Amino acid sequence: MAGGTKLSLLASHGLAGVLADGRLRDFAELSTCGLAVYCRGESVKWGGEVVTPFEAGRPVVVGGVMIRPGDYVFADSSGAAVVPHEQVLEVLEEAHRVAGEDLAATDGVHRADVAPQQAG
């Protein structure tokens, strides 16, 4: 589909990243361009010399999931999740609450580990 040269154009135009339902090239180069890139894997196949934008601001389907303009895409090394734009605040509030619970649970585990029991 694309590699470092083509995708560097996205970064130079202020885009935050790309979520591709296909393979991309030049992972090492892409890691230095300041662009978040998520795809199905790396390819060695050249994508061609012409960048041909088709449409922008339209719904797309990636991996069977509809993504509409304004939707929030959260992606990390484990995968990607799409949050409909009308639910972004609700989901972020819930994620913040869950992260707080996780932190409290982790702190509790660490406190319990601080003083090991001595056999008497």
PDB file of N, CA and C in Angstrom:
ATOM      1  N   MET A   1       0.815  -1.192   0.000  1.00  0.00           N
ATOM      2  CA  MET A   1       0.000   0.000   0.000  1.00  0.00           C
ATOM      3  C   MET A   1       0.862   1.260   0.000  1.00  0.00           C
ATOM      4  N   ALA A   2       1.781   1.336   0.947  1.00  0.00           N
ATOM      5  CA  ALA A   2       2.588   2.550   1.068  1.00  0.00           C
ATOM      6  C   ALA A   2       3.797   2.247   1.935  1.00  0.00           C
ATOM      7  N   GLY A   3       4.740   3.164   1.911  1.00  0.00           N
ATOM      8  CA  GLY A   3       5.944   3.030   2.719  1.00  0.00           C
ATOM      9  C   GLY A   3       6.316   4.367   3.307  1.00  0.00           C
ATOM     10  N   GLY A   4       7.556   4.471   3.728  1.00  0.00           N
ATOM     11  CA  GLY A   4       8.030   5.661   4.424  1.00  0.00           C
ATOM     12  C   GLY A   4       7.901   6.944   3.633  1.00  0.00           C
ATOM     13  N   THR A   5       8.216   6.921   2.352  1.00  0.00           N
ATOM     14  CA  THR A   5       8.174   8.144   1.555  1.00  0.00           C
ATOM     15  C   THR A   5       6.756   8.681   1.446  1.00  0.00           C
ATOM     16  N   LYS A   6       5.810   7.845   1.035  1.00  0.00           N
ATOM     17  CA  LYS A   6       4.424   8.294   0.890  1.00  0.00           C
ATOM     18  C   LYS A   6       3.819   8.698   2.229  1.00  0.00           C
ATOM     19  N   LEU A   7       4.053   7.884   3.253  1.00  0.00           N
ATOM     20  CA  LEU A   7       3.420   8.170   4.528  1.00  0.00           C
ATOM     21  C   LEU A   7       4.042   9.376   5.221  1.00  0.00           C
ATOM     22  N   SER A   8       5.281   9.722   4.890  1.00  0.00           N
ATOM     23  CA  SER A   8       5.867  10.935   5.459  1.00  0.00           C
ATOM     24  C   SER A   8       5.090  12.170   5.001  1.00  0.00           C
ATOM     25  N   LEU A   9       4.423  12.073   3.856  1.00  0.00           N
ATOM     26  CA  LEU A   9       3.570  13.169   3.393  1.00  0.00           C
ATOM     27  C   LEU A   9       2.421  13.427   4.361  1.00  0.00           C
ATOM     28  N   LEU A  10       1.899  12.360   4.975  1.00  0.00           N
ATOM     29  CA  LEU A  10       0.822  12.530   5.950  1.00  0.00           C
ATOM     30  C   LEU A  10       1.305  13.354   7.128  1.00  0.00           C
ATOM     31  N   ALA A  11       2.479  13.002   7.642  1.00  0.00           N
ATOM     32  CA  ALA A  11       3.030  13.733   8.784  1.00  0.00           C
ATOM     33  C   ALA A  11       3.283  15.188   8.416  1.00  0.00           C
ATOM     34  N   SER A  12       3.781  15.439   7.219  1.00  0.00           N
ATOM     35  CA  SER A  12       4.084  16.825   6.823  1.00  0.00           C
ATOM     36  C   SER A  12       2.821  17.651   6.630  1.00  0.00           C
ATOM     37  N   HIS A  13       1.670  16.986   6.476  1.00  0.00           N
ATOM     38  CA  HIS A  13       0.397  17.703   6.341  1.00  0.00           C
ATOM     39  C   HIS A  13      -0.368  17.753   7.663  1.00  0.00           C
ATOM     40  N   GLY A  14       0.292  17.329   8.750  1.00  0.00           N
ATOM     41  CA  GLY A  14      -0.309  17.457  10.075  1.00  0.00           C
ATOM     42  C   GLY A  14      -1.221  16.331  10.498  1.00  0.00           C
ATOM     43  N   LEU A  15      -1.280  15.224   9.758  1.00  0.00           N
ATOM     44  CA  LEU A  15      -2.100  14.107  10.180  1.00  0.00           C
ATOM     45  C   LEU A  15      -1.416  13.387  11.336  1.00  0.00           C
ATOM     46  N   ALA A  16      -2.213  12.818  12.233  1.00  0.00           N
ATOM     47  CA  ALA A  16      -1.664  12.156  13.416  1.00  0.00           C
ATOM     48  C   ALA A  16      -1.210  10.745  13.120  1.00  0.00           C
ATOM     49  N   GLY A  17      -1.860  10.064  12.174  1.00  0.00           N
ATOM     50  CA  GLY A  17      -1.487   8.681  11.926  1.00  0.00           C
ATOM     51  C   GLY A  17      -2.300   8.050  10.825  1.00  0.00           C
ATOM     52  N   VAL A  18      -2.060   6.755  10.669  1.00  0.00           N
ATOM     53  CA  VAL A  18      -2.774   5.980   9.665  1.00  0.00           C
ATOM     54  C   VAL A  18      -3.124   4.626  10.269  1.00  0.00           C
ATOM     55  N   LEU A  19      -4.350   4.181  10.017  1.00  0.00           N
ATOM     56  CA  LEU A  19      -4.809   2.856  10.398  1.00  0.00           C
ATOM     57  C   LEU A  19      -5.161   2.160   9.097  1.00  0.00           C
ATOM     58  N   ALA A  20      -4.340   1.208   8.680  1.00  0.00           N
ATOM     59  CA  ALA A  20      -4.495   0.581   7.370  1.00  0.00           C
ATOM     60  C   ALA A  20      -5.004  -0.847   7.506  1.00  0.00           C
ATOM     61  N   ASP A  21      -5.964  -1.188   6.694  1.00  0.00           N
ATOM     62  CA  ASP A  21      -6.476  -2.559   6.639  1.00  0.00           C
ATOM     63  C   ASP A  21      -5.677  -3.311   5.583  1.00  0.00           C
ATOM     64  N   GLY A  22      -4.378  -3.296   5.739  1.00  0.00           N
ATOM     65  CA  GLY A  22      -3.448  -3.921   4.802  1.00  0.00           C
ATOM     66  C   GLY A  22      -2.043  -3.805   5.349  1.00  0.00           C
ATOM     67  N   ARG A  23      -1.081  -4.145   4.521  1.00  0.00           N
ATOM     68  CA  ARG A  23       0.325  -4.112   4.942  1.00  0.00           C
ATOM     69  C   ARG A  23       1.012  -2.853   4.447  1.00  0.00           C
ATOM     70  N   LEU A  24       2.040  -2.418   5.193  1.00  0.00           N
ATOM     71  CA  LEU A  24       2.827  -1.249   4.826  1.00  0.00           C
ATOM     72  C   LEU A  24       4.303  -1.644   4.780  1.00  0.00           C
ATOM     73  N   ARG A  25       5.115  -0.770   4.198  1.00  0.00           N
ATOM     74  CA  ARG A  25       6.553  -1.016   4.098  1.00  0.00           C
ATOM     75  C   ARG A  25       7.317  -0.045   4.986  1.00  0.00           C
ATOM     76  N   ASP A  26       8.608  -0.311   5.114  1.00  0.00           N
ATOM     77  CA  ASP A  26       9.556   0.635   5.708  1.00  0.00           C
ATOM     78  C   ASP A  26       9.269   0.959   7.172  1.00  0.00           C
ATOM     79  N   PHE A  27       9.040  -0.071   7.988  1.00  0.00           N
ATOM     80  CA  PHE A  27       8.730   0.148   9.398  1.00  0.00           C
ATOM     81  C   PHE A  27       9.807   0.971  10.104  1.00  0.00           C
ATOM     82  N   ALA A  28      11.079   0.707   9.833  1.00  0.00           N
ATOM     83  CA  ALA A  28      12.155   1.448  10.502  1.00  0.00           C
ATOM     84  C   ALA A  28      12.055   2.934  10.173  1.00  0.00           C
ATOM     85  N   GLU A  29      11.823   3.263   8.931  1.00  0.00           N
ATOM     86  CA  GLU A  29      11.685   4.662   8.519  1.00  0.00           C
ATOM     87  C   GLU A  29      10.431   5.288   9.121  1.00  0.00           C
ATOM     88  N   LEU A  30       9.336   4.543   9.133  1.00  0.00           N
ATOM     89  CA  LEU A  30       8.091   5.059   9.680  1.00  0.00           C
ATOM     90  C   LEU A  30       8.204   5.353  11.175  1.00  0.00           C
ATOM     91  N   SER A  31       9.035   4.611  11.878  1.00  0.00           N
ATOM     92  CA  SER A  31       9.173   4.813  13.322  1.00  0.00           C
ATOM     93  C   SER A  31       9.823   6.146  13.657  1.00  0.00           C
ATOM     94  N   THR A  32      10.423   6.807  12.685  1.00  0.00           N
ATOM     95  CA  THR A  32      11.106   8.079  12.944  1.00  0.00           C
ATOM     96  C   THR A  32      10.353   9.297  12.415  1.00  0.00           C
ATOM     97  N   CYS A  33       9.201   9.113  11.777  1.00  0.00           N
ATOM     98  CA  CYS A  33       8.529  10.244  11.130  1.00  0.00           C
ATOM     99  C   CYS A  33       7.490  10.936  12.003  1.00  0.00           C
ATOM    100  N   GLY A  34       7.299  10.478  13.249  1.00  0.00           N
ATOM    101  CA  GLY A  34       6.345  11.124  14.137  1.00  0.00           C
ATOM    102  C   GLY A  34       4.894  10.833  13.811  1.00  0.00           C
ATOM    103  N   LEU A  35       4.647   9.766  13.108  1.00  0.00           N
ATOM    104  CA  LEU A  35       3.312   9.390  12.669  1.00  0.00           C
ATOM    105  C   LEU A  35       2.933   8.074  13.348  1.00  0.00           C
ATOM    106  N   ALA A  36       1.751   8.008  13.934  1.00  0.00           N
ATOM    107  CA  ALA A  36       1.268   6.754  14.504  1.00  0.00           C
ATOM    108  C   ALA A  36       0.794   5.873  13.348  1.00  0.00           C
ATOM    109  N   VAL A  37       1.350   4.682  13.233  1.00  0.00           N
ATOM    110  CA  VAL A  37       1.040   3.808  12.104  1.00  0.00           C
ATOM    111  C   VAL A  37       0.629   2.432  12.628  1.00  0.00           C
ATOM    112  N   TYR A  38      -0.572   1.998  12.237  1.00  0.00           N
ATOM    113  CA  TYR A  38      -1.082   0.688  12.604  1.00  0.00           C
ATOM    114  C   TYR A  38      -1.590   0.013  11.334  1.00  0.00           C
ATOM    115  N   CYS A  39      -1.213  -1.257  11.153  1.00  0.00           N
ATOM    116  CA  CYS A  39      -1.589  -1.981   9.940  1.00  0.00           C
ATOM    117  C   CYS A  39      -1.577  -3.473  10.229  1.00  0.00           C
ATOM    118  N   ARG A  40      -1.815  -4.271   9.200  1.00  0.00           N
ATOM    119  CA  ARG A  40      -1.864  -5.728   9.357  1.00  0.00           C
ATOM    120  C   ARG A  40      -0.497  -6.396   9.323  1.00  0.00           C
ATOM    121  N   GLY A  41       0.539  -5.653   9.025  1.00  0.00           N
ATOM    122  CA  GLY A  41       1.881  -6.227   8.998  1.00  0.00           C
ATOM    123  C   GLY A  41       2.762  -5.489   8.016  1.00  0.00           C
ATOM    124  N   GLU A  42       3.988  -5.967   7.909  1.00  0.00           N
ATOM    125  CA  GLU A  42       4.952  -5.327   7.023  1.00  0.00           C
ATOM    126  C   GLU A  42       5.015  -6.067   5.696  1.00  0.00           C
ATOM    127  N   SER A  43       5.219  -5.318   4.651  1.00  0.00           N
ATOM    128  CA  SER A  43       5.320  -5.857   3.309  1.00  0.00           C
ATOM    129  C   SER A  43       6.625  -5.408   2.685  1.00  0.00           C
ATOM    130  N   VAL A  44       7.099  -6.174   1.742  1.00  0.00           N
ATOM    131  CA  VAL A  44       8.264  -5.744   0.970  1.00  0.00           C
ATOM    132  C   VAL A  44       7.832  -5.259  -0.409  1.00  0.00           C
ATOM    133  N   LYS A  45       6.549  -5.408  -0.717  1.00  0.00           N
ATOM    134  CA  LYS A  45       6.038  -5.018  -2.031  1.00  0.00           C
ATOM    135  C   LYS A  45       5.924  -3.500  -2.139  1.00  0.00           C
ATOM    136  N   TRP A  46       6.391  -2.971  -3.251  1.00  0.00           N
ATOM    137  CA  TRP A  46       6.321  -1.548  -3.552  1.00  0.00           C
ATOM    138  C   TRP A  46       4.892  -1.184  -3.914  1.00  0.00           C
ATOM    139  N   GLY A  47       4.398  -0.071  -3.397  1.00  0.00           N
ATOM    140  CA  GLY A  47       3.015   0.330  -3.619  1.00  0.00           C
ATOM    141  C   GLY A  47       2.777   1.107  -4.887  1.00  0.00           C
ATOM    142  N   GLY A  48       3.820   1.437  -5.648  1.00  0.00           N
ATOM    143  CA  GLY A  48       3.636   2.234  -6.857  1.00  0.00           C
ATOM    144  C   GLY A  48       4.149   3.642  -6.637  1.00  0.00           C
ATOM    145  N   GLU A  49       4.215   4.394  -7.698  1.00  0.00           N
ATOM    146  CA  GLU A  49       4.829   5.718  -7.606  1.00  0.00           C
ATOM    147  C   GLU A  49       3.835   6.856  -7.442  1.00  0.00           C
ATOM    148  N   VAL A  50       2.552   6.573  -7.530  1.00  0.00           N
ATOM    149  CA  VAL A  50       1.566   7.638  -7.504  1.00  0.00           C
ATOM    150  C   VAL A  50       0.712   7.527  -6.249  1.00  0.00           C
ATOM    151  N   VAL A  51       0.556   8.633  -5.540  1.00  0.00           N
ATOM    152  CA  VAL A  51      -0.363   8.698  -4.420  1.00  0.00           C
ATOM    153  C   VAL A  51      -1.674   9.224  -4.974  1.00  0.00           C
ATOM    154  N   THR A  52      -2.728   8.446  -4.848  1.00  0.00           N
ATOM    155  CA  THR A  52      -4.005   8.822  -5.431  1.00  0.00           C
ATOM    156  C   THR A  52      -5.077   8.877  -4.344  1.00  0.00           C
ATOM    157  N   PRO A  53      -5.224  10.030  -3.696  1.00  0.00           N
ATOM    158  CA  PRO A  53      -6.313  10.132  -2.716  1.00  0.00           C
ATOM    159  C   PRO A  53      -7.642   9.944  -3.430  1.00  0.00           C
ATOM    160  N   PHE A  54      -8.523   9.204  -2.829  1.00  0.00           N
ATOM    161  CA  PHE A  54      -9.816   8.947  -3.445  1.00  0.00           C
ATOM    162  C   PHE A  54     -10.896   9.825  -2.824  1.00  0.00           C
ATOM    163  N   GLU A  55     -11.051   9.725  -1.495  1.00  0.00           N
ATOM    164  CA  GLU A  55     -12.031  10.533  -0.788  1.00  0.00           C
ATOM    165  C   GLU A  55     -11.512  10.817   0.613  1.00  0.00           C
ATOM    166  N   ALA A  56     -12.017  11.865   1.203  1.00  0.00           N
ATOM    167  CA  ALA A  56     -11.700  12.192   2.591  1.00  0.00           C
ATOM    168  C   ALA A  56     -12.989  12.569   3.297  1.00  0.00           C
ATOM    169  N   GLY A  57     -13.011  12.392   4.608  1.00  0.00           N
ATOM    170  CA  GLY A  57     -14.186  12.772   5.382  1.00  0.00           C
ATOM    171  C   GLY A  57     -15.376  11.870   5.152  1.00  0.00           C
ATOM    172  N   ARG A  58     -15.115  10.609   4.781  1.00  0.00           N
ATOM    173  CA  ARG A  58     -16.183   9.644   4.513  1.00  0.00           C
ATOM    174  C   ARG A  58     -16.008   8.445   5.438  1.00  0.00           C
ATOM    175  N   PRO A  59     -17.099   7.743   5.779  1.00  0.00           N
ATOM    176  CA  PRO A  59     -16.957   6.521   6.571  1.00  0.00           C
ATOM    177  C   PRO A  59     -16.132   5.483   5.816  1.00  0.00           C
ATOM    178  N   VAL A  60     -15.369   4.696   6.573  1.00  0.00           N
ATOM    179  CA  VAL A  60     -14.594   3.595   6.007  1.00  0.00           C
ATOM    180  C   VAL A  60     -14.804   2.364   6.878  1.00  0.00           C
ATOM    181  N   VAL A  61     -14.492   1.214   6.322  1.00  0.00           N
ATOM    182  CA  VAL A  61     -14.544  -0.033   7.077  1.00  0.00           C
ATOM    183  C   VAL A  61     -13.126  -0.582   7.142  1.00  0.00           C
ATOM    184  N   VAL A  62     -12.645  -0.804   8.371  1.00  0.00           N
ATOM    185  CA  VAL A  62     -11.316  -1.371   8.594  1.00  0.00           C
ATOM    186  C   VAL A  62     -11.494  -2.617   9.456  1.00  0.00           C
ATOM    187  N   GLY A  63     -11.076  -3.746   8.937  1.00  0.00           N
ATOM    188  CA  GLY A  63     -11.214  -4.994   9.688  1.00  0.00           C
ATOM    189  C   GLY A  63     -12.649  -5.302  10.062  1.00  0.00           C
ATOM    190  N   GLY A  64     -13.586  -4.916   9.224  1.00  0.00           N
ATOM    191  CA  GLY A  64     -15.003  -5.179   9.472  1.00  0.00           C
ATOM    192  C   GLY A  64     -15.673  -4.179  10.401  1.00  0.00           C
ATOM    193  N   VAL A  65     -14.959  -3.139  10.815  1.00  0.00           N
ATOM    194  CA  VAL A  65     -15.509  -2.142  11.737  1.00  0.00           C
ATOM    195  C   VAL A  65     -15.677  -0.811  11.004  1.00  0.00           C
ATOM    196  N   MET A  66     -16.875  -0.235  11.090  1.00  0.00           N
ATOM    197  CA  MET A  66     -17.154   1.053  10.479  1.00  0.00           C
ATOM    198  C   MET A  66     -16.514   2.156  11.310  1.00  0.00           C
ATOM    199  N   ILE A  67     -15.782   3.056  10.642  1.00  0.00           N
ATOM    200  CA  ILE A  67     -15.204   4.234  11.281  1.00  0.00           C
ATOM    201  C   ILE A  67     -15.742   5.450  10.542  1.00  0.00           C
ATOM    202  N   ARG A  68     -16.396   6.339  11.295  1.00  0.00           N
ATOM    203  CA  ARG A  68     -16.994   7.541  10.706  1.00  0.00           C
ATOM    204  C   ARG A  68     -16.146   8.757  11.055  1.00  0.00           C
ATOM    205  N   PRO A  69     -16.199   9.792  10.245  1.00  0.00           N
ATOM    206  CA  PRO A  69     -15.481  11.026  10.599  1.00  0.00           C
ATOM    207  C   PRO A  69     -15.883  11.478  12.009  1.00  0.00           C
ATOM    208  N   GLY A  70     -14.876  11.804  12.814  1.00  0.00           N
ATOM    209  CA  GLY A  70     -15.110  12.227  14.192  1.00  0.00           C
ATOM    210  C   GLY A  70     -15.001  11.115  15.206  1.00  0.00           C
ATOM    211  N   ASP A  71     -15.031   9.856  14.756  1.00  0.00           N
ATOM    212  CA  ASP A  71     -14.844   8.744  15.691  1.00  0.00           C
ATOM    213  C   ASP A  71     -13.425   8.781  16.242  1.00  0.00           C
ATOM    214  N   TYR A  72     -13.240   8.206  17.402  1.00  0.00           N
ATOM    215  CA  TYR A  72     -11.943   8.164  18.070  1.00  0.00           C
ATOM    216  C   TYR A  72     -11.372   6.766  17.879  1.00  0.00           C
ATOM    217  N   VAL A  73     -10.127   6.688  17.429  1.00  0.00           N
ATOM    218  CA  VAL A  73      -9.461   5.396  17.272  1.00  0.00           C
ATOM    219  C   VAL A  73      -8.331   5.331  18.286  1.00  0.00           C
ATOM    220  N   PHE A  74      -8.400   4.362  19.182  1.00  0.00           N
ATOM    221  CA  PHE A  74      -7.319   4.129  20.140  1.00  0.00           C
ATOM    222  C   PHE A  74      -6.595   2.881  19.677  1.00  0.00           C
ATOM    223  N   ALA A  75      -5.290   3.003  19.453  1.00  0.00           N
ATOM    224  CA  ALA A  75      -4.509   1.860  18.984  1.00  0.00           C
ATOM    225  C   ALA A  75      -3.209   1.778  19.763  1.00  0.00           C
ATOM    226  N   ASP A  76      -2.792   0.561  20.054  1.00  0.00           N
ATOM    227  CA  ASP A  76      -1.478   0.322  20.634  1.00  0.00           C
ATOM    228  C   ASP A  76      -0.966  -0.987  20.067  1.00  0.00           C
ATOM    229  N   SER A  77       0.083  -1.525  20.638  1.00  0.00           N
ATOM    230  CA  SER A  77       0.687  -2.735  20.075  1.00  0.00           C
ATOM    231  C   SER A  77      -0.218  -3.956  20.191  1.00  0.00           C
ATOM    232  N   SER A  78      -1.287  -3.877  21.002  1.00  0.00           N
ATOM    233  CA  SER A  78      -2.208  -5.003  21.153  1.00  0.00           C
ATOM    234  C   SER A  78      -3.336  -4.990  20.132  1.00  0.00           C
ATOM    235  N   GLY A  79      -3.617  -3.831  19.552  1.00  0.00           N
ATOM    236  CA  GLY A  79      -4.717  -3.744  18.604  1.00  0.00           C
ATOM    237  C   GLY A  79      -5.303  -2.348  18.591  1.00  0.00           C
ATOM    238  N   ALA A  80      -6.486  -2.222  18.008  1.00  0.00           N
ATOM    239  CA  ALA A  80      -7.142  -0.920  17.891  1.00  0.00           C
ATOM    240  C   ALA A  80      -8.613  -1.052  18.263  1.00  0.00           C
ATOM    241  N   ALA A  81      -9.153   0.013  18.851  1.00  0.00           N
ATOM    242  CA  ALA A  81     -10.573   0.072  19.187  1.00  0.00           C
ATOM    243  C   ALA A  81     -11.131   1.377  18.638  1.00  0.00           C
ATOM    244  N   VAL A  82     -12.342   1.316  18.136  1.00  0.00           N
ATOM    245  CA  VAL A  82     -13.011   2.498  17.594  1.00  0.00           C
ATOM    246  C   VAL A  82     -14.128   2.901  18.547  1.00  0.00           C
ATOM    247  N   VAL A  83     -14.134   4.176  18.935  1.00  0.00           N
ATOM    248  CA  VAL A  83     -15.167   4.709  19.818  1.00  0.00           C
ATOM    249  C   VAL A  83     -15.995   5.705  19.008  1.00  0.00           C
ATOM    250  N   PRO A  84     -17.296   5.462  18.871  1.00  0.00           N
ATOM    251  CA  PRO A  84     -18.143   6.407  18.140  1.00  0.00           C
ATOM    252  C   PRO A  84     -18.040   7.805  18.757  1.00  0.00           C
ATOM    253  N   HIS A  85     -18.031   8.824  17.903  1.00  0.00           N
ATOM    254  CA  HIS A  85     -17.799  10.188  18.378  1.00  0.00           C
ATOM    255  C   HIS A  85     -18.777  10.622  19.459  1.00  0.00           C
ATOM    256  N   GLU A  86     -20.004  10.139  19.414  1.00  0.00           N
ATOM    257  CA  GLU A  86     -20.987  10.549  20.419  1.00  0.00           C
ATOM    258  C   GLU A  86     -20.748   9.894  21.781  1.00  0.00           C
ATOM    259  N   GLN A  87     -19.844   8.918  21.862  1.00  0.00           N
ATOM    260  CA  GLN A  87     -19.563   8.236  23.126  1.00  0.00           C
ATOM    261  C   GLN A  87     -18.152   8.495  23.645  1.00  0.00           C
ATOM    262  N   VAL A  88     -17.393   9.353  22.999  1.00  0.00           N
ATOM    263  CA  VAL A  88     -15.986   9.554  23.376  1.00  0.00           C
ATOM    264  C   VAL A  88     -15.851  10.001  24.823  1.00  0.00           C
ATOM    265  N   LEU A  89     -16.574  11.016  25.254  1.00  0.00           N
ATOM    266  CA  LEU A  89     -16.439  11.505  26.625  1.00  0.00           C
ATOM    267  C   LEU A  89     -16.815  10.443  27.647  1.00  0.00           C
ATOM    268  N   GLU A  90     -17.904   9.736  27.399  1.00  0.00           N
ATOM    269  CA  GLU A  90     -18.343   8.667  28.299  1.00  0.00           C
ATOM    270  C   GLU A  90     -17.281   7.579  28.417  1.00  0.00           C
ATOM    271  N   VAL A  91     -16.707   7.171  27.294  1.00  0.00           N
ATOM    272  CA  VAL A  91     -15.692   6.120  27.300  1.00  0.00           C
ATOM    273  C   VAL A  91     -14.416   6.594  27.991  1.00  0.00           C
ATOM    274  N   LEU A  92     -13.999   7.835  27.736  1.00  0.00           N
ATOM    275  CA  LEU A  92     -12.802   8.364  28.395  1.00  0.00           C
ATOM    276  C   LEU A  92     -12.999   8.478  29.901  1.00  0.00           C
ATOM    277  N   GLU A  93     -14.177   8.899  30.350  1.00  0.00           N
ATOM    278  CA  GLU A  93     -14.453   8.966  31.781  1.00  0.00           C
ATOM    279  C   GLU A  93     -14.393   7.576  32.413  1.00  0.00           C
ATOM    280  N   GLU A  94     -14.977   6.592  31.754  1.00  0.00           N
ATOM    281  CA  GLU A  94     -14.953   5.222  32.272  1.00  0.00           C
ATOM    282  C   GLU A  94     -13.528   4.669  32.283  1.00  0.00           C
ATOM    283  N   ALA A  95     -12.758   4.954  31.238  1.00  0.00           N
ATOM    284  CA  ALA A  95     -11.362   4.494  31.185  1.00  0.00           C
ATOM    285  C   ALA A  95     -10.556   5.118  32.317  1.00  0.00           C
ATOM    286  N   HIS A  96     -10.803   6.388  32.609  1.00  0.00           N
ATOM    287  CA  HIS A  96     -10.112   7.070  33.712  1.00  0.00           C
ATOM    288  C   HIS A  96     -10.480   6.413  35.048  1.00  0.00           C
ATOM    289  N   ARG A  97     -11.753   6.084  35.234  1.00  0.00           N
ATOM    290  CA  ARG A  97     -12.198   5.425  36.461  1.00  0.00           C
ATOM    291  C   ARG A  97     -11.543   4.054  36.619  1.00  0.00           C
ATOM    292  N   VAL A  98     -11.520   3.268  35.551  1.00  0.00           N
ATOM    293  CA  VAL A  98     -10.914   1.934  35.592  1.00  0.00           C
ATOM    294  C   VAL A  98      -9.409   2.031  35.855  1.00  0.00           C
ATOM    295  N   ALA A  99      -8.737   3.010  35.221  1.00  0.00           N
ATOM    296  CA  ALA A  99      -7.302   3.187  35.455  1.00  0.00           C
ATOM    297  C   ALA A  99      -7.035   3.517  36.919  1.00  0.00           C
ATOM    298  N   GLY A 100      -7.897   4.320  37.543  1.00  0.00           N
ATOM    299  CA  GLY A 100      -7.759   4.629  38.965  1.00  0.00           C
ATOM    300  C   GLY A 100      -7.914   3.393  39.830  1.00  0.00           C
ATOM    301  N   GLU A 101      -8.898   2.554  39.504  1.00  0.00           N
ATOM    302  CA  GLU A 101      -9.081   1.301  40.243  1.00  0.00           C
ATOM    303  C   GLU A 101      -7.869   0.387  40.081  1.00  0.00           C
ATOM    304  N   ASP A 102      -7.335   0.299  38.884  1.00  0.00           N
ATOM    305  CA  ASP A 102      -6.149  -0.522  38.648  1.00  0.00           C
ATOM    306  C   ASP A 102      -4.966  -0.025  39.457  1.00  0.00           C
ATOM    307  N   LEU A 103      -4.773   1.285  39.496  1.00  0.00           N
ATOM    308  CA  LEU A 103      -3.677   1.868  40.251  1.00  0.00           C
ATOM    309  C   LEU A 103      -3.834   1.571  41.743  1.00  0.00           C
ATOM    310  N   ALA A 104      -5.046   1.708  42.260  1.00  0.00           N
ATOM    311  CA  ALA A 104      -5.303   1.412  43.671  1.00  0.00           C
ATOM    312  C   ALA A 104      -5.037  -0.060  43.977  1.00  0.00           C
ATOM    313  N   ALA A 105      -5.449  -0.946  43.087  1.00  0.00           N
ATOM    314  CA  ALA A 105      -5.211  -2.380  43.295  1.00  0.00           C
ATOM    315  C   ALA A 105      -3.723  -2.693  43.264  1.00  0.00           C
ATOM    316  N   THR A 106      -3.010  -2.081  42.338  1.00  0.00           N
ATOM    317  CA  THR A 106      -1.555  -2.297  42.249  1.00  0.00           C
ATOM    318  C   THR A 106      -0.864  -1.783  43.498  1.00  0.00           C
ATOM    319  N   ASP A 107      -1.261  -0.605  43.977  1.00  0.00           N
ATOM    320  CA  ASP A 107      -0.694  -0.061  45.214  1.00  0.00           C
ATOM    321  C   ASP A 107      -0.945  -1.007  46.387  1.00  0.00           C
ATOM    322  N   GLY A 108      -2.145  -1.579  46.457  1.00  0.00           N
ATOM    323  CA  GLY A 108      -2.478  -2.525  47.525  1.00  0.00           C
ATOM    324  C   GLY A 108      -1.598  -3.758  47.485  1.00  0.00           C
ATOM    325  N   VAL A 109      -1.350  -4.263  46.314  1.00  0.00           N
ATOM    326  CA  VAL A 109      -0.481  -5.437  46.168  1.00  0.00           C
ATOM    327  C   VAL A 109       0.937  -5.101  46.607  1.00  0.00           C
ATOM    328  N   HIS A 110       1.423  -3.940  46.220  1.00  0.00           N
ATOM    329  CA  HIS A 110       2.787  -3.534  46.585  1.00  0.00           C
ATOM    330  C   HIS A 110       2.922  -3.316  48.086  1.00  0.00           C
ATOM    331  N   ARG A 111       1.905  -2.732  48.707  1.00  0.00           N
ATOM    332  CA  ARG A 111       1.951  -2.518  50.163  1.00  0.00           C
ATOM    333  C   ARG A 111       1.960  -3.851  50.898  1.00  0.00           C
ATOM    334  N   ALA A 112       1.211  -4.826  50.419  1.00  0.00           N
ATOM    335  CA  ALA A 112       1.160  -6.137  51.053  1.00  0.00           C
ATOM    336  C   ALA A 112       2.506  -6.845  50.915  1.00  0.00           C
ATOM    337  N   ASP A 113       3.260  -6.536  49.906  1.00  0.00           N
ATOM    338  CA  ASP A 113       4.554  -7.183  49.654  1.00  0.00           C
ATOM    339  C   ASP A 113       5.714  -6.532  50.421  1.00  0.00           C
ATOM    340  N   VAL A 114       5.508  -5.364  50.990  1.00  0.00           N
ATOM    341  CA  VAL A 114       6.601  -4.613  51.588  1.00  0.00           C
ATOM    342  C   VAL A 114       7.213  -5.335  52.772  1.00  0.00           C
ATOM    343  N   ALA A 115       6.397  -5.863  53.669  1.00  0.00           N
ATOM    344  CA  ALA A 115       6.918  -6.530  54.860  1.00  0.00           C
ATOM    345  C   ALA A 115       6.584  -8.011  54.809  1.00  0.00           C
ATOM    346  N   PRO A 116       7.535  -8.843  54.346  1.00  0.00           N
ATOM    347  CA  PRO A 116       7.250 -10.284  54.275  1.00  0.00           C
ATOM    348  C   PRO A 116       7.051 -10.861  55.684  1.00  0.00           C
ATOM    349  N   GLN A 117       6.169 -11.817  55.761  1.00  0.00           N
ATOM    350  CA  GLN A 117       5.904 -12.517  57.032  1.00  0.00           C
ATOM    351  C   GLN A 117       7.113 -13.369  57.415  1.00  0.00           C
ATOM    352  N   GLN A 118       7.485 -13.325  58.691  1.00  0.00           N
ATOM    353  CA  GLN A 118       8.581 -14.184  59.167  1.00  0.00           C
ATOM    354  C   GLN A 118       7.981 -15.404  59.832  1.00  0.00           C
ATOM    355  N   ALA A 119       8.586 -16.540  59.579  1.00  0.00           N
ATOM    356  CA  ALA A 119       8.131 -17.778  60.211  1.00  0.00           C
ATOM    357  C   ALA A 119       8.514 -17.733  61.688  1.00  0.00           C
ATOM    358  N   GLY A 120       7.595 -18.065  62.554  1.00  0.00           N
ATOM    359  CA  GLY A 120       7.863 -17.925  63.972  1.00  0.00           C
ATOM    360  C   GLY A 120       8.113 -19.174  64.587  1.00  0.00           C
TER     361      GLY A 120
END
